[in-house]
Amino acid sequence: MSNVFIAFQKNEESRAIVNAILADNPAAIVNDQPAMVKIDVPGRMVIRKSTIEEEIGRDFDLQEMQIHLITMSGNVDETDEEFTLCWNQ
């Protein structure tokens, strides 16, 4: 099974996004760099709006992630509530 990944600029707001991803994806592996944070997950990563809102303490539109996003790998499936990366097989 191949990993999917997503990488964010390292800043205060992306820290809440990363914490939410780790909460929703127990198999996630974090690669913490000086200017970015990369998260690898085997097969499928789910990013939930509700979990980010809990972490950040306010309403959150998933498209706000784009501001902090550096790169990602995998096929994207996006709704108003979830952002999913996976490899279609």
C-alpha atoms as a PDB file:
ATOM      1  CA  MET A   1       0.000   0.000   0.000  1.00  0.00           C
ATOM      2  CA  SER A   2       1.429   3.382  -1.031  1.00  0.00           C
ATOM      3  CA  ASN A   3       1.465   6.418   1.204  1.00  0.00           C
ATOM      4  CA  VAL A   4      -0.437   9.605   0.521  1.00  0.00           C
ATOM      5  CA  PHE A   5       0.980  12.797   1.946  1.00  0.00           C
ATOM      6  CA  ILE A   6       0.287  16.450   2.543  1.00  0.00           C
ATOM      7  CA  ALA A   7       2.719  19.205   3.540  1.00  0.00           C
ATOM      8  CA  PHE A   8       1.951  22.556   5.154  1.00  0.00           C
ATOM      9  CA  GLN A   9       3.908  25.696   5.908  1.00  0.00           C
ATOM     10  CA  LYS A  10       4.905  25.663   9.535  1.00  0.00           C
ATOM     11  CA  ASN A  11       2.818  28.328  11.279  1.00  0.00           C
ATOM     12  CA  GLU A  12       0.334  28.655  14.130  1.00  0.00           C
ATOM     13  CA  GLU A  13      -2.813  27.980  12.098  1.00  0.00           C
ATOM     14  CA  SER A  14      -1.394  24.974  10.275  1.00  0.00           C
ATOM     15  CA  ARG A  15      -0.419  23.476  13.653  1.00  0.00           C
ATOM     16  CA  ALA A  16      -4.141  23.050  14.437  1.00  0.00           C
ATOM     17  CA  ILE A  17      -4.713  21.453  11.024  1.00  0.00           C
ATOM     18  CA  VAL A  18      -1.822  19.027  11.599  1.00  0.00           C
ATOM     19  CA  ASN A  19      -3.130  18.121  15.072  1.00  0.00           C
ATOM     20  CA  ALA A  20      -6.567  17.428  13.583  1.00  0.00           C
ATOM     21  CA  ILE A  21      -5.069  15.212  10.865  1.00  0.00           C
ATOM     22  CA  LEU A  22      -3.136  13.239  13.493  1.00  0.00           C
ATOM     23  CA  ALA A  23      -6.296  12.810  15.582  1.00  0.00           C
ATOM     24  CA  ASP A  24      -8.272  11.444  12.611  1.00  0.00           C
ATOM     25  CA  ASN A  25      -5.476   9.314  11.108  1.00  0.00           C
ATOM     26  CA  PRO A  26      -3.781   7.183  13.793  1.00  0.00           C
ATOM     27  CA  ALA A  27      -1.308   5.655  11.302  1.00  0.00           C
ATOM     28  CA  ALA A  28       0.001   9.087  10.286  1.00  0.00           C
ATOM     29  CA  ILE A  29       3.745   9.715  10.302  1.00  0.00           C
ATOM     30  CA  VAL A  30       4.913  13.299  10.867  1.00  0.00           C
ATOM     31  CA  ASN A  31       8.070  14.697   9.297  1.00  0.00           C
ATOM     32  CA  ASP A  32       8.680  18.007  11.083  1.00  0.00           C
ATOM     33  CA  GLN A  33      11.053  20.335   9.201  1.00  0.00           C
ATOM     34  CA  PRO A  34      12.133  23.908  10.066  1.00  0.00           C
ATOM     35  CA  ALA A  35       9.747  25.529   7.556  1.00  0.00           C
ATOM     36  CA  MET A  36       7.172  22.795   6.887  1.00  0.00           C
ATOM     37  CA  VAL A  37       5.351  19.809   8.301  1.00  0.00           C
ATOM     38  CA  LYS A  38       4.778  16.762   6.066  1.00  0.00           C
ATOM     39  CA  ILE A  39       2.312  14.051   7.026  1.00  0.00           C
ATOM     40  CA  ASP A  40       2.384  10.593   5.405  1.00  0.00           C
ATOM     41  CA  VAL A  41      -0.446   8.104   5.816  1.00  0.00           C
ATOM     42  CA  PRO A  42      -0.604   4.599   4.340  1.00  0.00           C
ATOM     43  CA  GLY A  43      -3.340   4.342   1.717  1.00  0.00           C
ATOM     44  CA  ARG A  44      -5.875   6.996   2.743  1.00  0.00           C
ATOM     45  CA  MET A  45      -5.914  10.273   4.695  1.00  0.00           C
ATOM     46  CA  VAL A  46      -9.109  11.958   5.874  1.00  0.00           C
ATOM     47  CA  ILE A  47      -9.127  15.579   7.013  1.00  0.00           C
ATOM     48  CA  ARG A  48     -12.355  16.490   8.808  1.00  0.00           C
ATOM     49  CA  LYS A  49     -13.667  20.028   9.122  1.00  0.00           C
ATOM     50  CA  SER A  50     -15.206  19.265  12.528  1.00  0.00           C
ATOM     51  CA  THR A  51     -11.886  18.067  13.982  1.00  0.00           C
ATOM     52  CA  ILE A  52     -10.054  21.152  12.714  1.00  0.00           C
ATOM     53  CA  GLU A  53     -12.768  23.375  14.213  1.00  0.00           C
ATOM     54  CA  GLU A  54     -12.289  21.669  17.581  1.00  0.00           C
ATOM     55  CA  GLU A  55      -8.528  22.255  17.385  1.00  0.00           C
ATOM     56  CA  ILE A  56      -8.677  25.815  16.096  1.00  0.00           C
ATOM     57  CA  GLY A  57     -11.625  26.957  18.226  1.00  0.00           C
ATOM     58  CA  ARG A  58     -13.638  28.603  15.441  1.00  0.00           C
ATOM     59  CA  ASP A  59     -15.562  27.862  12.258  1.00  0.00           C
ATOM     60  CA  PHE A  60     -13.276  26.636   9.499  1.00  0.00           C
ATOM     61  CA  ASP A  61     -13.787  26.324   5.748  1.00  0.00           C
ATOM     62  CA  LEU A  62     -11.699  23.418   4.413  1.00  0.00           C
ATOM     63  CA  GLN A  63     -10.578  25.580   1.493  1.00  0.00           C
ATOM     64  CA  GLU A  64      -8.648  27.688   4.040  1.00  0.00           C
ATOM     65  CA  MET A  65      -6.119  24.831   4.082  1.00  0.00           C
ATOM     66  CA  GLN A  66      -4.992  25.972   0.628  1.00  0.00           C
ATOM     67  CA  ILE A  67      -3.410  29.073   2.179  1.00  0.00           C
ATOM     68  CA  HIS A  68      -0.986  26.929   4.183  1.00  0.00           C
ATOM     69  CA  LEU A  69      -0.590  24.026   1.725  1.00  0.00           C
ATOM     70  CA  ILE A  70       2.777  23.371   0.078  1.00  0.00           C
ATOM     71  CA  THR A  71       2.124  20.077  -1.725  1.00  0.00           C
ATOM     72  CA  MET A  72       0.207  16.813  -1.569  1.00  0.00           C
ATOM     73  CA  SER A  73       0.221  13.381  -3.144  1.00  0.00           C
ATOM     74  CA  GLY A  74      -2.834  11.256  -3.889  1.00  0.00           C
ATOM     75  CA  ASN A  75      -6.212  11.571  -5.532  1.00  0.00           C
ATOM     76  CA  VAL A  76      -8.385  14.247  -3.935  1.00  0.00           C
ATOM     77  CA  ASP A  77     -12.021  13.830  -2.937  1.00  0.00           C
ATOM     78  CA  GLU A  78     -13.401  16.969  -1.323  1.00  0.00           C
ATOM     79  CA  THR A  79     -16.751  17.847   0.241  1.00  0.00           C
ATOM     80  CA  ASP A  80     -17.735  20.694   2.558  1.00  0.00           C
ATOM     81  CA  GLU A  81     -17.066  18.393   5.538  1.00  0.00           C
ATOM     82  CA  GLU A  82     -14.065  16.232   4.511  1.00  0.00           C
ATOM     83  CA  PHE A  83     -10.929  16.385   2.400  1.00  0.00           C
ATOM     84  CA  THR A  84      -9.664  12.908   1.470  1.00  0.00           C
ATOM     85  CA  LEU A  85      -6.411  11.836  -0.174  1.00  0.00           C
ATOM     86  CA  CYS A  86      -6.120   8.245  -1.437  1.00  0.00           C
ATOM     87  CA  TRP A  87      -4.822   6.157  -4.281  1.00  0.00           C
ATOM     88  CA  ASN A  88      -7.690   4.841  -6.394  1.00  0.00           C
ATOM     89  CA  GLN A  89      -7.205   1.197  -7.243  1.00  0.00           C
END
